[in-house]
Amino acid sequence: MTDTGKTRAQELLGDTAPELVRLTDDVLFGQVWADPGLSQRDRSLITVAALVALGRTEQLRSHLRRALDNGLGKDELAAAMTHLAFYAGWPAGMTGATELKKITEE
């Protein structure tokens, strides 16, 4: 929940796409992220890697913040961006590192 008492999905979408909000809150974060098969830290690293590889910078920002909250360090995330540059392409790694810089300097 955010300061407004709404979930992030509710804040982003309001009543525009109520079913997408419900699935985001109940299934994605209520079930998938809550599954004990992976730690929150590991889920964050996987999610950040996927978002970097796919060039999804808008979602990447919030997941980088979540990754830091879930115990990944700035240096670990920077190392992940370097690693991703070789597998997902140099622009993807550079963009990920740039987004990491932005959120850690806020």
PDB file of N, CA and C in Angstrom:
ATOM      1  N   MET A   1       0.826  -1.188   0.000  1.00  0.00           N
ATOM      2  CA  MET A   1       0.000   0.000   0.000  1.00  0.00           C
ATOM      3  C   MET A   1       0.873   1.254   0.000  1.00  0.00           C
ATOM      4  N   THR A   2       0.387   2.261  -0.652  1.00  0.00           N
ATOM      5  CA  THR A   2       1.097   3.528  -0.691  1.00  0.00           C
ATOM      6  C   THR A   2       0.564   4.448   0.410  1.00  0.00           C
ATOM      7  N   ASP A   3       1.073   5.654   0.450  1.00  0.00           N
ATOM      8  CA  ASP A   3       0.633   6.623   1.459  1.00  0.00           C
ATOM      9  C   ASP A   3      -0.852   6.953   1.336  1.00  0.00           C
ATOM     10  N   THR A   4      -1.409   6.762   0.133  1.00  0.00           N
ATOM     11  CA  THR A   4      -2.818   7.074  -0.098  1.00  0.00           C
ATOM     12  C   THR A   4      -3.743   5.940   0.321  1.00  0.00           C
ATOM     13  N   GLY A   5      -3.174   4.802   0.736  1.00  0.00           N
ATOM     14  CA  GLY A   5      -3.985   3.652   1.093  1.00  0.00           C
ATOM     15  C   GLY A   5      -4.367   2.796  -0.102  1.00  0.00           C
ATOM     16  N   LYS A   6      -3.842   3.159  -1.268  1.00  0.00           N
ATOM     17  CA  LYS A   6      -4.101   2.395  -2.488  1.00  0.00           C
ATOM     18  C   LYS A   6      -2.849   1.623  -2.869  1.00  0.00           C
ATOM     19  N   THR A   7      -3.053   0.551  -3.617  1.00  0.00           N
ATOM     20  CA  THR A   7      -1.895  -0.161  -4.148  1.00  0.00           C
ATOM     21  C   THR A   7      -1.296   0.668  -5.270  1.00  0.00           C
ATOM     22  N   ARG A   8      -0.074   0.332  -5.648  1.00  0.00           N
ATOM     23  CA  ARG A   8       0.587   1.050  -6.747  1.00  0.00           C
ATOM     24  C   ARG A   8      -0.218   0.892  -8.038  1.00  0.00           C
ATOM     25  N   ALA A   9      -0.744  -0.290  -8.280  1.00  0.00           N
ATOM     26  CA  ALA A   9      -1.552  -0.514  -9.485  1.00  0.00           C
ATOM     27  C   ALA A   9      -2.808   0.351  -9.461  1.00  0.00           C
ATOM     28  N   GLN A  10      -3.433   0.480  -8.302  1.00  0.00           N
ATOM     29  CA  GLN A  10      -4.617   1.332  -8.191  1.00  0.00           C
ATOM     30  C   GLN A  10      -4.269   2.790  -8.465  1.00  0.00           C
ATOM     31  N   GLU A  11      -3.117   3.229  -7.974  1.00  0.00           N
ATOM     32  CA  GLU A  11      -2.689   4.607  -8.224  1.00  0.00           C
ATOM     33  C   GLU A  11      -2.403   4.836  -9.705  1.00  0.00           C
ATOM     34  N   LEU A  12      -1.729   3.873 -10.337  1.00  0.00           N
ATOM     35  CA  LEU A  12      -1.355   4.030 -11.746  1.00  0.00           C
ATOM     36  C   LEU A  12      -2.547   3.980 -12.689  1.00  0.00           C
ATOM     37  N   LEU A  13      -3.482   3.075 -12.421  1.00  0.00           N
ATOM     38  CA  LEU A  13      -4.560   2.832 -13.377  1.00  0.00           C
ATOM     39  C   LEU A  13      -5.932   3.297 -12.923  1.00  0.00           C
ATOM     40  N   GLY A  14      -6.101   3.512 -11.618  1.00  0.00           N
ATOM     41  CA  GLY A  14      -7.408   3.931 -11.129  1.00  0.00           C
ATOM     42  C   GLY A  14      -8.496   2.990 -11.603  1.00  0.00           C
ATOM     43  N   ASP A  15      -9.550   3.556 -12.190  1.00  0.00           N
ATOM     44  CA  ASP A  15     -10.669   2.763 -12.690  1.00  0.00           C
ATOM     45  C   ASP A  15     -10.545   2.461 -14.179  1.00  0.00           C
ATOM     46  N   THR A  16      -9.420   2.791 -14.784  1.00  0.00           N
ATOM     47  CA  THR A  16      -9.246   2.587 -16.224  1.00  0.00           C
ATOM     48  C   THR A  16      -9.267   1.116 -16.600  1.00  0.00           C
ATOM     49  N   ALA A  17      -8.570   0.294 -15.837  1.00  0.00           N
ATOM     50  CA  ALA A  17      -8.483  -1.138 -16.137  1.00  0.00           C
ATOM     51  C   ALA A  17      -8.602  -1.929 -14.828  1.00  0.00           C
ATOM     52  N   PRO A  18      -9.809  -1.984 -14.261  1.00  0.00           N
ATOM     53  CA  PRO A  18      -9.971  -2.601 -12.949  1.00  0.00           C
ATOM     54  C   PRO A  18      -9.564  -4.075 -12.890  1.00  0.00           C
ATOM     55  N   GLU A  19      -9.771  -4.819 -13.961  1.00  0.00           N
ATOM     56  CA  GLU A  19      -9.389  -6.234 -13.941  1.00  0.00           C
ATOM     57  C   GLU A  19      -7.875  -6.380 -13.943  1.00  0.00           C
ATOM     58  N   LEU A  20      -7.173  -5.532 -14.679  1.00  0.00           N
ATOM     59  CA  LEU A  20      -5.712  -5.563 -14.668  1.00  0.00           C
ATOM     60  C   LEU A  20      -5.185  -5.189 -13.282  1.00  0.00           C
ATOM     61  N   VAL A  21      -5.807  -4.224 -12.648  1.00  0.00           N
ATOM     62  CA  VAL A  21      -5.430  -3.853 -11.277  1.00  0.00           C
ATOM     63  C   VAL A  21      -5.634  -5.045 -10.344  1.00  0.00           C
ATOM     64  N   ARG A  22      -6.784  -5.706 -10.442  1.00  0.00           N
ATOM     65  CA  ARG A  22      -7.077  -6.854  -9.579  1.00  0.00           C
ATOM     66  C   ARG A  22      -6.062  -7.970  -9.793  1.00  0.00           C
ATOM     67  N   LEU A  23      -5.757  -8.287 -11.048  1.00  0.00           N
ATOM     68  CA  LEU A  23      -4.788  -9.339 -11.337  1.00  0.00           C
ATOM     69  C   LEU A  23      -3.394  -8.967 -10.845  1.00  0.00           C
ATOM     70  N   THR A  24      -3.039  -7.708 -10.999  1.00  0.00           N
ATOM     71  CA  THR A  24      -1.738  -7.240 -10.515  1.00  0.00           C
ATOM     72  C   THR A  24      -1.644  -7.401  -9.006  1.00  0.00           C
ATOM     73  N   ASP A  25      -2.666  -6.926  -8.316  1.00  0.00           N
ATOM     74  CA  ASP A  25      -2.648  -6.963  -6.850  1.00  0.00           C
ATOM     75  C   ASP A  25      -2.815  -8.380  -6.298  1.00  0.00           C
ATOM     76  N   ASP A  26      -3.799  -9.102  -6.816  1.00  0.00           N
ATOM     77  CA  ASP A  26      -4.142 -10.404  -6.234  1.00  0.00           C
ATOM     78  C   ASP A  26      -3.257 -11.542  -6.734  1.00  0.00           C
ATOM     79  N   VAL A  27      -3.005 -11.575  -8.036  1.00  0.00           N
ATOM     80  CA  VAL A  27      -2.261 -12.708  -8.589  1.00  0.00           C
ATOM     81  C   VAL A  27      -0.758 -12.424  -8.620  1.00  0.00           C
ATOM     82  N   LEU A  28      -0.361 -11.354  -9.312  1.00  0.00           N
ATOM     83  CA  LEU A  28       1.066 -11.091  -9.455  1.00  0.00           C
ATOM     84  C   LEU A  28       1.740 -10.874  -8.102  1.00  0.00           C
ATOM     85  N   PHE A  29       1.246  -9.896  -7.341  1.00  0.00           N
ATOM     86  CA  PHE A  29       1.900  -9.605  -6.070  1.00  0.00           C
ATOM     87  C   PHE A  29       1.334 -10.431  -4.919  1.00  0.00           C
ATOM     88  N   GLY A  30       0.080 -10.849  -5.000  1.00  0.00           N
ATOM     89  CA  GLY A  30      -0.520 -11.634  -3.931  1.00  0.00           C
ATOM     90  C   GLY A  30      -0.139 -13.100  -3.957  1.00  0.00           C
ATOM     91  N   GLN A  31       0.138 -13.645  -5.154  1.00  0.00           N
ATOM     92  CA  GLN A  31       0.476 -15.063  -5.259  1.00  0.00           C
ATOM     93  C   GLN A  31       1.876 -15.295  -5.799  1.00  0.00           C
ATOM     94  N   VAL A  32       2.164 -14.764  -6.976  1.00  0.00           N
ATOM     95  CA  VAL A  32       3.461 -15.045  -7.614  1.00  0.00           C
ATOM     96  C   VAL A  32       4.611 -14.529  -6.749  1.00  0.00           C
ATOM     97  N   TRP A  33       4.565 -13.259  -6.374  1.00  0.00           N
ATOM     98  CA  TRP A  33       5.646 -12.701  -5.561  1.00  0.00           C
ATOM     99  C   TRP A  33       5.675 -13.288  -4.155  1.00  0.00           C
ATOM    100  N   ALA A  34       4.553 -13.834  -3.686  1.00  0.00           N
ATOM    101  CA  ALA A  34       4.493 -14.399  -2.338  1.00  0.00           C
ATOM    102  C   ALA A  34       4.907 -15.865  -2.289  1.00  0.00           C
ATOM    103  N   ASP A  35       5.064 -16.499  -3.424  1.00  0.00           N
ATOM    104  CA  ASP A  35       5.432 -17.917  -3.464  1.00  0.00           C
ATOM    105  C   ASP A  35       6.792 -18.111  -2.799  1.00  0.00           C
ATOM    106  N   PRO A  36       6.905 -19.078  -1.885  1.00  0.00           N
ATOM    107  CA  PRO A  36       8.161 -19.265  -1.157  1.00  0.00           C
ATOM    108  C   PRO A  36       9.264 -19.965  -1.960  1.00  0.00           C
ATOM    109  N   GLY A  37       8.992 -20.318  -3.214  1.00  0.00           N
ATOM    110  CA  GLY A  37       9.992 -21.012  -4.026  1.00  0.00           C
ATOM    111  C   GLY A  37      11.213 -20.174  -4.340  1.00  0.00           C
ATOM    112  N   LEU A  38      11.075 -18.868  -4.333  1.00  0.00           N
ATOM    113  CA  LEU A  38      12.193 -17.939  -4.521  1.00  0.00           C
ATOM    114  C   LEU A  38      12.102 -16.847  -3.466  1.00  0.00           C
ATOM    115  N   SER A  39      13.241 -16.353  -3.053  1.00  0.00           N
ATOM    116  CA  SER A  39      13.234 -15.229  -2.105  1.00  0.00           C
ATOM    117  C   SER A  39      12.810 -13.957  -2.838  1.00  0.00           C
ATOM    118  N   GLN A  40      12.386 -12.975  -2.072  1.00  0.00           N
ATOM    119  CA  GLN A  40      12.032 -11.680  -2.654  1.00  0.00           C
ATOM    120  C   GLN A  40      13.247 -11.061  -3.358  1.00  0.00           C
ATOM    121  N   ARG A  41      14.407 -11.253  -2.768  1.00  0.00           N
ATOM    122  CA  ARG A  41      15.653 -10.745  -3.347  1.00  0.00           C
ATOM    123  C   ARG A  41      15.893 -11.367  -4.719  1.00  0.00           C
ATOM    124  N   ASP A  42      15.768 -12.689  -4.795  1.00  0.00           N
ATOM    125  CA  ASP A  42      15.978 -13.377  -6.069  1.00  0.00           C
ATOM    126  C   ASP A  42      14.935 -12.966  -7.100  1.00  0.00           C
ATOM    127  N   ARG A  43      13.689 -12.854  -6.675  1.00  0.00           N
ATOM    128  CA  ARG A  43      12.635 -12.413  -7.603  1.00  0.00           C
ATOM    129  C   ARG A  43      12.944 -11.025  -8.149  1.00  0.00           C
ATOM    130  N   SER A  44      13.439 -10.149  -7.281  1.00  0.00           N
ATOM    131  CA  SER A  44      13.787  -8.803  -7.734  1.00  0.00           C
ATOM    132  C   SER A  44      14.903  -8.837  -8.777  1.00  0.00           C
ATOM    133  N   LEU A  45      15.932  -9.628  -8.522  1.00  0.00           N
ATOM    134  CA  LEU A  45      17.042  -9.711  -9.478  1.00  0.00           C
ATOM    135  C   LEU A  45      16.559 -10.246 -10.827  1.00  0.00           C
ATOM    136  N   ILE A  46      15.737 -11.282 -10.801  1.00  0.00           N
ATOM    137  CA  ILE A  46      15.198 -11.852 -12.038  1.00  0.00           C
ATOM    138  C   ILE A  46      14.335 -10.830 -12.772  1.00  0.00           C
ATOM    139  N   THR A  47      13.488 -10.142 -12.033  1.00  0.00           N
ATOM    140  CA  THR A  47      12.595  -9.157 -12.637  1.00  0.00           C
ATOM    141  C   THR A  47      13.379  -8.004 -13.251  1.00  0.00           C
ATOM    142  N   VAL A  48      14.362  -7.500 -12.520  1.00  0.00           N
ATOM    143  CA  VAL A  48      15.204  -6.422 -13.052  1.00  0.00           C
ATOM    144  C   VAL A  48      15.903  -6.881 -14.327  1.00  0.00           C
ATOM    145  N   ALA A  49      16.441  -8.092 -14.320  1.00  0.00           N
ATOM    146  CA  ALA A  49      17.132  -8.603 -15.510  1.00  0.00           C
ATOM    147  C   ALA A  49      16.187  -8.688 -16.700  1.00  0.00           C
ATOM    148  N   ALA A  50      14.990  -9.183 -16.473  1.00  0.00           N
ATOM    149  CA  ALA A  50      14.020  -9.289 -17.568  1.00  0.00           C
ATOM    150  C   ALA A  50      13.634  -7.910 -18.101  1.00  0.00           C
ATOM    151  N   LEU A  51      13.399  -6.969 -17.195  1.00  0.00           N
ATOM    152  CA  LEU A  51      13.006  -5.623 -17.628  1.00  0.00           C
ATOM    153  C   LEU A  51      14.129  -4.924 -18.392  1.00  0.00           C
ATOM    154  N   VAL A  52      15.365  -5.104 -17.943  1.00  0.00           N
ATOM    155  CA  VAL A  52      16.510  -4.529 -18.658  1.00  0.00           C
ATOM    156  C   VAL A  52      16.598  -5.141 -20.044  1.00  0.00           C
ATOM    157  N   ALA A  53      16.529  -6.465 -20.120  1.00  0.00           N
ATOM    158  CA  ALA A  53      16.659  -7.154 -21.399  1.00  0.00           C
ATOM    159  C   ALA A  53      15.553  -6.752 -22.373  1.00  0.00           C
ATOM    160  N   LEU A  54      14.371  -6.479 -21.849  1.00  0.00           N
ATOM    161  CA  LEU A  54      13.239  -6.107 -22.698  1.00  0.00           C
ATOM    162  C   LEU A  54      13.120  -4.602 -22.933  1.00  0.00           C
ATOM    163  N   GLY A  55      13.974  -3.828 -22.268  1.00  0.00           N
ATOM    164  CA  GLY A  55      13.933  -2.373 -22.450  1.00  0.00           C
ATOM    165  C   GLY A  55      12.715  -1.715 -21.839  1.00  0.00           C
ATOM    166  N   ARG A  56      12.193  -2.264 -20.774  1.00  0.00           N
ATOM    167  CA  ARG A  56      10.996  -1.732 -20.120  1.00  0.00           C
ATOM    168  C   ARG A  56      11.381  -0.767 -19.009  1.00  0.00           C
ATOM    169  N   THR A  57      11.859   0.417 -19.386  1.00  0.00           N
ATOM    170  CA  THR A  57      12.419   1.335 -18.394  1.00  0.00           C
ATOM    171  C   THR A  57      11.390   1.889 -17.418  1.00  0.00           C
ATOM    172  N   GLU A  58      10.154   2.067 -17.839  1.00  0.00           N
ATOM    173  CA  GLU A  58       9.180   2.627 -16.902  1.00  0.00           C
ATOM    174  C   GLU A  58       8.940   1.674 -15.730  1.00  0.00           C
ATOM    175  N   GLN A  59       8.802   0.392 -16.007  1.00  0.00           N
ATOM    176  CA  GLN A  59       8.645  -0.598 -14.957  1.00  0.00           C
ATOM    177  C   GLN A  59       9.960  -0.826 -14.217  1.00  0.00           C
ATOM    178  N   LEU A  60      11.078  -0.663 -14.919  1.00  0.00           N
ATOM    179  CA  LEU A  60      12.393  -0.908 -14.321  1.00  0.00           C
ATOM    180  C   LEU A  60      12.645  -0.017 -13.116  1.00  0.00           C
ATOM    181  N   ARG A  61      12.266   1.234 -13.194  1.00  0.00           N
ATOM    182  CA  ARG A  61      12.528   2.163 -12.087  1.00  0.00           C
ATOM    183  C   ARG A  61      11.938   1.662 -10.772  1.00  0.00           C
ATOM    184  N   SER A  62      10.666   1.286 -10.809  1.00  0.00           N
ATOM    185  CA  SER A  62      10.034   0.840  -9.561  1.00  0.00           C
ATOM    186  C   SER A  62      10.619  -0.489  -9.095  1.00  0.00           C
ATOM    187  N   HIS A  63      11.002  -1.348 -10.036  1.00  0.00           N
ATOM    188  CA  HIS A  63      11.573  -2.633  -9.627  1.00  0.00           C
ATOM    189  C   HIS A  63      13.014  -2.498  -9.143  1.00  0.00           C
ATOM    190  N   LEU A  64      13.736  -1.509  -9.604  1.00  0.00           N
ATOM    191  CA  LEU A  64      15.060  -1.246  -9.030  1.00  0.00           C
ATOM    192  C   LEU A  64      14.915  -0.800  -7.580  1.00  0.00           C
ATOM    193  N   ARG A  65      13.945   0.063  -7.325  1.00  0.00           N
ATOM    194  CA  ARG A  65      13.694   0.485  -5.944  1.00  0.00           C
ATOM    195  C   ARG A  65      13.309  -0.714  -5.081  1.00  0.00           C
ATOM    196  N   ARG A  66      12.443  -1.560  -5.609  1.00  0.00           N
ATOM    197  CA  ARG A  66      12.019  -2.760  -4.885  1.00  0.00           C
ATOM    198  C   ARG A  66      13.219  -3.678  -4.639  1.00  0.00           C
ATOM    199  N   ALA A  67      14.102  -3.798  -5.636  1.00  0.00           N
ATOM    200  CA  ALA A  67      15.294  -4.648  -5.495  1.00  0.00           C
ATOM    201  C   ALA A  67      16.170  -4.148  -4.350  1.00  0.00           C
ATOM    202  N   LEU A  68      16.360  -2.844  -4.273  1.00  0.00           N
ATOM    203  CA  LEU A  68      17.131  -2.275  -3.171  1.00  0.00           C
ATOM    204  C   LEU A  68      16.445  -2.561  -1.834  1.00  0.00           C
ATOM    205  N   ASP A  69      15.124  -2.410  -1.797  1.00  0.00           N
ATOM    206  CA  ASP A  69      14.366  -2.701  -0.576  1.00  0.00           C
ATOM    207  C   ASP A  69      14.430  -4.184  -0.218  1.00  0.00           C
ATOM    208  N   ASN A  70      14.570  -5.037  -1.239  1.00  0.00           N
ATOM    209  CA  ASN A  70      14.609  -6.484  -1.009  1.00  0.00           C
ATOM    210  C   ASN A  70      16.018  -7.010  -0.752  1.00  0.00           C
ATOM    211  N   GLY A  71      16.965  -6.105  -0.525  1.00  0.00           N
ATOM    212  CA  GLY A  71      18.280  -6.526  -0.074  1.00  0.00           C
ATOM    213  C   GLY A  71      19.386  -6.560  -1.109  1.00  0.00           C
ATOM    214  N   LEU A  72      19.084  -6.241  -2.358  1.00  0.00           N
ATOM    215  CA  LEU A  72      20.157  -6.142  -3.345  1.00  0.00           C
ATOM    216  C   LEU A  72      20.866  -4.809  -3.158  1.00  0.00           C
ATOM    217  N   GLY A  73      22.169  -4.813  -3.252  1.00  0.00           N
ATOM    218  CA  GLY A  73      22.935  -3.588  -3.111  1.00  0.00           C
ATOM    219  C   GLY A  73      23.127  -2.895  -4.454  1.00  0.00           C
ATOM    220  N   LYS A  74      23.464  -1.626  -4.383  1.00  0.00           N
ATOM    221  CA  LYS A  74      23.729  -0.848  -5.592  1.00  0.00           C
ATOM    222  C   LYS A  74      24.843  -1.497  -6.415  1.00  0.00           C
ATOM    223  N   ASP A  75      25.901  -1.956  -5.747  1.00  0.00           N
ATOM    224  CA  ASP A  75      27.019  -2.571  -6.457  1.00  0.00           C
ATOM    225  C   ASP A  75      26.606  -3.884  -7.127  1.00  0.00           C
ATOM    226  N   GLU A  76      25.750  -4.640  -6.463  1.00  0.00           N
ATOM    227  CA  GLU A  76      25.261  -5.888  -7.069  1.00  0.00           C
ATOM    228  C   GLU A  76      24.413  -5.595  -8.304  1.00  0.00           C
ATOM    229  N   LEU A  77      23.572  -4.592  -8.212  1.00  0.00           N
ATOM    230  CA  LEU A  77      22.739  -4.231  -9.362  1.00  0.00           C
ATOM    231  C   LEU A  77      23.590  -3.680 -10.498  1.00  0.00           C
ATOM    232  N   ALA A  78      24.615  -2.919 -10.171  1.00  0.00           N
ATOM    233  CA  ALA A  78      25.527  -2.417 -11.206  1.00  0.00           C
ATOM    234  C   ALA A  78      26.245  -3.579 -11.883  1.00  0.00           C
ATOM    235  N   ALA A  79      26.666  -4.571 -11.110  1.00  0.00           N
ATOM    236  CA  ALA A  79      27.311  -5.750 -11.690  1.00  0.00           C
ATOM    237  C   ALA A  79      26.337  -6.509 -12.588  1.00  0.00           C
ATOM    238  N   ALA A  80      25.073  -6.557 -12.189  1.00  0.00           N
ATOM    239  CA  ALA A  80      24.061  -7.212 -13.023  1.00  0.00           C
ATOM    240  C   ALA A  80      23.898  -6.473 -14.346  1.00  0.00           C
ATOM    241  N   MET A  81      23.936  -5.145 -14.314  1.00  0.00           N
ATOM    242  CA  MET A  81      23.812  -4.367 -15.551  1.00  0.00           C
ATOM    243  C   MET A  81      24.985  -4.645 -16.483  1.00  0.00           C
ATOM    244  N   THR A  82      26.177  -4.744 -15.924  1.00  0.00           N
ATOM    245  CA  THR A  82      27.364  -5.061 -16.728  1.00  0.00           C
ATOM    246  C   THR A  82      27.217  -6.444 -17.356  1.00  0.00           C
ATOM    247  N   HIS A  83      26.794  -7.397 -16.574  1.00  0.00           N
ATOM    248  CA  HIS A  83      26.591  -8.763 -17.074  1.00  0.00           C
ATOM    249  C   HIS A  83      25.526  -8.775 -18.176  1.00  0.00           C
ATOM    250  N   LEU A  84      24.436  -8.061 -17.939  1.00  0.00           N
ATOM    251  CA  LEU A  84      23.360  -8.002 -18.922  1.00  0.00           C
ATOM    252  C   LEU A  84      23.787  -7.340 -20.226  1.00  0.00           C
ATOM    253  N   ALA A  85      24.726  -6.414 -20.146  1.00  0.00           N
ATOM    254  CA  ALA A  85      25.196  -5.757 -21.372  1.00  0.00           C
ATOM    255  C   ALA A  85      25.731  -6.778 -22.373  1.00  0.00           C
ATOM    256  N   PHE A  86      26.335  -7.834 -21.877  1.00  0.00           N
ATOM    257  CA  PHE A  86      26.900  -8.856 -22.760  1.00  0.00           C
ATOM    258  C   PHE A  86      25.845  -9.825 -23.280  1.00  0.00           C
ATOM    259  N   TYR A  87      24.768 -10.017 -22.534  1.00  0.00           N
ATOM    260  CA  TYR A  87      23.747 -10.982 -22.933  1.00  0.00           C
ATOM    261  C   TYR A  87      22.517 -10.342 -23.559  1.00  0.00           C
ATOM    262  N   ALA A  88      22.183  -9.134 -23.144  1.00  0.00           N
ATOM    263  CA  ALA A  88      20.979  -8.466 -23.655  1.00  0.00           C
ATOM    264  C   ALA A  88      21.304  -7.326 -24.602  1.00  0.00           C
ATOM    265  N   GLY A  89      22.582  -7.007 -24.735  1.00  0.00           N
ATOM    266  CA  GLY A  89      23.003  -5.917 -25.605  1.00  0.00           C
ATOM    267  C   GLY A  89      23.517  -4.741 -24.812  1.00  0.00           C
ATOM    268  N   TRP A  90      24.522  -4.108 -25.381  1.00  0.00           N
ATOM    269  CA  TRP A  90      25.151  -2.986 -24.692  1.00  0.00           C
ATOM    270  C   TRP A  90      24.164  -1.873 -24.348  1.00  0.00           C
ATOM    271  N   PRO A  91      23.282  -1.481 -25.287  1.00  0.00           N
ATOM    272  CA  PRO A  91      22.323  -0.428 -24.944  1.00  0.00           C
ATOM    273  C   PRO A  91      21.431  -0.807 -23.752  1.00  0.00           C
ATOM    274  N   ALA A  92      21.048  -2.062 -23.663  1.00  0.00           N
ATOM    275  CA  ALA A  92      20.208  -2.488 -22.543  1.00  0.00           C
ATOM    276  C   ALA A  92      20.959  -2.344 -21.222  1.00  0.00           C
ATOM    277  N   GLY A  93      22.206  -2.797 -21.180  1.00  0.00           N
ATOM    278  CA  GLY A  93      23.005  -2.671 -19.964  1.00  0.00           C
ATOM    279  C   GLY A  93      23.253  -1.224 -19.589  1.00  0.00           C
ATOM    280  N   MET A  94      23.547  -0.407 -20.578  1.00  0.00           N
ATOM    281  CA  MET A  94      23.784   1.026 -20.318  1.00  0.00           C
ATOM    282  C   MET A  94      22.509   1.712 -19.816  1.00  0.00           C
ATOM    283  N   THR A  95      21.383   1.379 -20.417  1.00  0.00           N
ATOM    284  CA  THR A  95      20.118   1.969 -19.973  1.00  0.00           C
ATOM    285  C   THR A  95      19.805   1.539 -18.548  1.00  0.00           C
ATOM    286  N   GLY A  96      20.003   0.266 -18.252  1.00  0.00           N
ATOM    287  CA  GLY A  96      19.775  -0.220 -16.890  1.00  0.00           C
ATOM    288  C   GLY A  96      20.662   0.489 -15.886  1.00  0.00           C
ATOM    289  N   ALA A  97      21.926   0.654 -16.231  1.00  0.00           N
ATOM    290  CA  ALA A  97      22.866   1.332 -15.332  1.00  0.00           C
ATOM    291  C   ALA A  97      22.486   2.801 -15.151  1.00  0.00           C
ATOM    292  N   THR A  98      22.021   3.423 -16.222  1.00  0.00           N
ATOM    293  CA  THR A  98      21.589   4.822 -16.145  1.00  0.00           C
ATOM    294  C   THR A  98      20.385   4.965 -15.224  1.00  0.00           C
ATOM    295  N   GLU A  99      19.442   4.050 -15.336  1.00  0.00           N
ATOM    296  CA  GLU A  99      18.257   4.093 -14.454  1.00  0.00           C
ATOM    297  C   GLU A  99      18.644   3.834 -13.002  1.00  0.00           C
ATOM    298  N   LEU A 100      19.581   2.914 -12.792  1.00  0.00           N
ATOM    299  CA  LEU A 100      20.071   2.654 -11.440  1.00  0.00           C
ATOM    300  C   LEU A 100      20.723   3.912 -10.864  1.00  0.00           C
ATOM    301  N   LYS A 101      21.519   4.587 -11.665  1.00  0.00           N
ATOM    302  CA  LYS A 101      22.162   5.830 -11.217  1.00  0.00           C
ATOM    303  C   LYS A 101      21.116   6.864 -10.817  1.00  0.00           C
ATOM    304  N   LYS A 102      20.089   7.018 -11.634  1.00  0.00           N
ATOM    305  CA  LYS A 102      19.041   7.996 -11.346  1.00  0.00           C
ATOM    306  C   LYS A 102      18.365   7.720 -10.007  1.00  0.00           C
ATOM    307  N   ILE A 103      17.984   6.478  -9.781  1.00  0.00           N
ATOM    308  CA  ILE A 103      17.225   6.211  -8.547  1.00  0.00           C
ATOM    309  C   ILE A 103      18.107   6.208  -7.308  1.00  0.00           C
ATOM    310  N   THR A 104      19.388   5.885  -7.463  1.00  0.00           N
ATOM    311  CA  THR A 104      20.253   5.902  -6.277  1.00  0.00           C
ATOM    312  C   THR A 104      20.756   7.303  -5.958  1.00  0.00           C
ATOM    313  N   GLU A 105      20.594   8.223  -6.877  1.00  0.00           N
ATOM    314  CA  GLU A 105      20.986   9.615  -6.620  1.00  0.00           C
ATOM    315  C   GLU A 105      19.806  10.498  -6.230  1.00  0.00           C
ATOM    316  N   GLU A 106      18.591   9.940  -6.186  1.00  0.00           N
ATOM    317  CA  GLU A 106      17.402  10.731  -5.822  1.00  0.00           C
ATOM    318  C   GLU A 106      17.459  11.165  -4.377  1.00  0.00           C
TER     319      GLU A 106
END
